[in-house]
Amino acid sequence: MIYTKKGDGGQTSKFDNTSVDKDSLLIEVLGSLDEVGSFLGICKNKASSFNEKILGLSLIDILDNIQNNLFKIQSNITGKEIQDLKLNTKEIELIIDLLEKELKPINQFLKADGNELSLSLNYARTLVRKLERKVVALTKKETLVNKKEIFTYLNRLSDLFFMLFRFVNSNSDYEEKFFNK
């Protein structure tokens, strides 16, 4: 059954069955993780006709791996004990490094412009940055197991989305537009 009526009073339960208010910072973080993961589903749909591979992975594969990692972070934050949280940060760094070598270096602000897929990836970057700020705020109020791994992963993830935004534009023969002072 999809509804339990347990949350009708404005609270929800963590893995350990303790109750927490639905407007708590913890639930805000979990909601933001859910928002990013859901938006990546939209990005995957838009990526269905993008055929370029990165390190042998399709864009859909990369986004799917990220969705899986976001679920791991959600589980960790809501109280499921994950002693050795593996988030594949090194794989993300390898992808970023490869894309940095392939794309022209930039030293000015890049405007959000391009095709629908690239703009969606850039928007995912902003969602991850917002999520990252909320996780930092949460760690000031609560102890977060695997805090360093989560911080590092989210920080790299927003960098990855920026590079994917540029990569898709580059492979779509879209000329990048920069802020002019």
Protein backbone atom coordinates (compact mmCIF):
# COMPACT_ATOMS: atom_id res chain seq x y z
CA MET A 1 0.00 0.00 0.00
CA ILE A 2 1.44 3.38 -1.01
CA TYR A 3 -0.04 5.34 1.87
CA THR A 4 0.45 4.46 5.52
CA LYS A 5 -1.12 7.54 7.15
CA LYS A 6 1.87 7.65 9.53
CA GLY A 7 2.98 10.99 8.11
CA ASP A 8 -0.39 12.70 8.36
CA GLY A 9 0.72 14.56 11.49
CA GLY A 10 3.71 16.19 9.81
CA GLN A 11 6.35 13.67 10.84
CA THR A 12 8.16 10.82 9.13
CA SER A 13 10.39 7.98 10.34
CA LYS A 14 14.08 7.31 9.89
CA PHE A 15 15.59 3.83 9.45
CA ASP A 16 15.80 3.45 13.25
CA ASN A 17 12.05 4.26 13.50
CA THR A 18 12.65 7.56 15.29
CA SER A 19 10.29 10.32 14.20
CA VAL A 20 11.43 13.56 12.63
CA ASP A 21 9.44 16.61 11.57
CA LYS A 22 8.92 16.85 7.81
CA ASP A 23 10.23 20.43 7.80
CA SER A 24 13.51 19.50 9.49
CA LEU A 25 16.84 20.15 7.80
CA LEU A 26 17.37 16.38 7.56
CA ILE A 27 14.21 16.00 5.50
CA GLU A 28 15.21 19.05 3.40
CA VAL A 29 18.49 17.29 2.56
CA LEU A 30 16.71 14.03 1.75
CA GLY A 31 14.23 15.93 -0.42
CA SER A 32 17.07 17.65 -2.28
CA LEU A 33 18.78 14.30 -2.88
CA ASP A 34 15.49 13.00 -4.23
CA GLU A 35 15.09 16.12 -6.40
CA VAL A 36 18.52 15.69 -7.98
CA GLY A 37 17.94 11.97 -8.55
CA SER A 38 14.55 12.62 -10.14
CA PHE A 39 15.96 15.34 -12.36
CA LEU A 40 18.68 12.97 -13.52
CA GLY A 41 15.89 10.72 -14.80
CA ILE A 42 14.85 13.61 -17.05
CA CYS A 43 18.48 14.07 -18.13
CA LYS A 44 18.76 10.37 -18.96
CA ASN A 45 15.67 10.62 -21.11
CA LYS A 46 17.14 13.61 -22.97
CA ALA A 47 20.46 11.74 -23.36
CA SER A 48 18.89 8.80 -25.19
CA SER A 49 20.06 10.12 -28.57
CA PHE A 50 23.50 11.29 -27.37
CA ASN A 51 25.93 8.62 -28.54
CA GLU A 52 29.32 9.90 -27.38
CA LYS A 53 31.10 7.71 -24.82
CA ILE A 54 33.38 8.78 -21.99
CA LEU A 55 35.79 6.16 -20.68
CA GLY A 56 33.60 3.60 -22.46
CA LEU A 57 30.49 4.78 -20.64
CA SER A 58 27.42 6.33 -22.20
CA LEU A 59 26.02 9.47 -20.64
CA ILE A 60 23.04 7.41 -19.52
CA ASP A 61 25.38 4.97 -17.73
CA ILE A 62 27.15 7.84 -15.97
CA LEU A 63 23.87 9.40 -14.86
CA ASP A 64 22.52 6.03 -13.71
CA ASN A 65 25.63 5.46 -11.57
CA ILE A 66 25.12 8.89 -10.02
CA GLN A 67 21.48 8.09 -9.22
CA ASN A 68 22.63 4.90 -7.46
CA ASN A 69 25.15 6.88 -5.41
CA LEU A 70 22.51 9.44 -4.44
CA PHE A 71 20.39 6.58 -3.06
CA LYS A 72 23.40 5.39 -1.04
CA ILE A 73 23.83 8.90 0.38
CA GLN A 74 20.11 9.09 1.21
CA SER A 75 20.33 5.79 3.07
CA ASN A 76 23.43 6.92 4.92
CA ILE A 77 21.94 10.28 5.93
CA THR A 78 18.67 8.79 7.12
CA GLY A 79 20.48 6.49 9.52
CA LYS A 80 21.26 3.26 7.70
CA GLU A 81 24.71 2.22 8.85
CA ILE A 82 27.04 2.14 5.84
CA GLN A 83 30.50 1.58 7.25
CA ASP A 84 32.40 1.79 3.95
CA LEU A 85 30.44 4.15 1.72
CA LYS A 86 31.79 3.77 -1.83
CA LEU A 87 30.67 6.60 -4.10
CA ASN A 88 33.02 6.20 -7.10
CA THR A 89 34.51 9.68 -6.67
CA LYS A 90 37.70 8.54 -8.43
CA GLU A 91 35.69 7.57 -11.52
CA ILE A 92 34.12 11.02 -11.59
CA GLU A 93 37.57 12.59 -11.31
CA LEU A 94 38.81 10.47 -14.22
CA ILE A 95 35.88 11.63 -16.36
CA ILE A 96 36.47 15.27 -15.40
CA ASP A 97 40.19 14.97 -16.16
CA LEU A 98 39.50 13.42 -19.56
CA LEU A 99 36.95 16.09 -20.47
CA GLU A 100 39.28 18.87 -19.32
CA LYS A 101 41.92 17.60 -21.73
CA GLU A 102 39.38 17.39 -24.56
CA LEU A 103 37.66 20.77 -24.09
CA LYS A 104 39.14 24.23 -24.60
CA PRO A 105 40.32 25.81 -21.35
CA ILE A 106 38.21 28.73 -20.14
CA ASN A 107 39.05 31.59 -17.80
CA GLN A 108 35.81 33.56 -17.75
CA PHE A 109 32.18 33.04 -16.83
CA LEU A 110 30.34 30.77 -19.22
CA LYS A 111 26.70 31.52 -19.95
CA ALA A 112 24.13 28.76 -19.58
CA ASP A 113 23.26 28.26 -23.21
CA GLY A 114 23.04 25.35 -25.59
CA ASN A 115 20.74 22.48 -26.40
CA GLU A 116 18.17 21.01 -24.05
CA LEU A 117 20.41 18.18 -22.84
CA SER A 118 23.37 20.44 -22.07
CA LEU A 119 21.16 22.96 -20.28
CA SER A 120 19.60 20.16 -18.23
CA LEU A 121 23.07 18.99 -17.17
CA ASN A 122 23.99 22.54 -16.22
CA TYR A 123 20.78 22.84 -14.19
CA ALA A 124 21.67 19.54 -12.47
CA ARG A 125 24.94 21.24 -11.46
CA THR A 126 23.00 24.01 -9.71
CA LEU A 127 20.75 21.48 -7.95
CA VAL A 128 23.83 19.65 -6.66
CA ARG A 129 25.36 22.92 -5.42
CA LYS A 130 22.14 23.68 -3.53
CA LEU A 131 22.16 20.15 -2.10
CA GLU A 132 25.78 20.56 -1.07
CA ARG A 133 24.95 23.74 0.89
CA LYS A 134 22.13 21.95 2.69
CA VAL A 135 24.36 19.00 3.60
CA VAL A 136 26.96 21.38 5.03
CA ALA A 137 24.24 23.06 7.11
CA LEU A 138 23.00 19.65 8.30
CA THR A 139 26.48 18.65 9.49
CA LYS A 140 26.55 21.72 11.71
CA LYS A 141 23.50 20.37 13.57
CA GLU A 142 23.92 16.60 13.34
CA THR A 143 26.74 14.11 13.12
CA LEU A 144 26.93 12.65 9.65
CA VAL A 145 28.59 9.27 9.17
CA ASN A 146 30.83 9.32 6.07
CA LYS A 147 30.73 13.14 6.00
CA LYS A 148 34.07 13.52 4.17
CA GLU A 149 33.13 11.03 1.44
CA ILE A 150 29.75 12.72 0.91
CA PHE A 151 31.23 16.25 0.85
CA THR A 152 33.92 15.21 -1.63
CA TYR A 153 31.48 13.34 -3.87
CA LEU A 154 28.97 16.20 -4.05
CA ASN A 155 31.72 18.74 -4.73
CA ARG A 156 33.09 16.63 -7.61
CA LEU A 157 29.58 15.91 -8.85
CA SER A 158 28.80 19.56 -9.50
CA ASP A 159 32.15 19.88 -11.32
CA LEU A 160 31.25 16.83 -13.40
CA PHE A 161 27.91 18.30 -14.44
CA PHE A 162 29.64 21.50 -15.53
CA MET A 163 32.05 19.49 -17.67
CA LEU A 164 29.25 17.33 -19.09
CA PHE A 165 27.33 20.52 -19.97
CA ARG A 166 30.37 21.72 -21.93
CA PHE A 167 31.02 18.29 -23.45
CA VAL A 168 27.49 17.93 -24.80
CA ASN A 169 27.61 21.44 -26.24
CA SER A 170 30.98 20.72 -27.83
CA ASN A 171 29.68 17.53 -29.42
CA SER A 172 26.62 19.37 -30.65
CA ASP A 173 28.83 21.95 -32.40
CA TYR A 174 27.49 24.64 -30.09
CA GLU A 175 29.78 27.62 -29.62
CA GLU A 176 30.16 28.53 -25.97
CA LYS A 177 29.07 32.03 -24.97
CA PHE A 178 30.87 33.97 -22.29
CA PHE A 179 29.96 36.86 -20.02
CA ASN A 180 31.36 40.10 -21.40
CA LYS A 181 32.24 42.74 -18.85
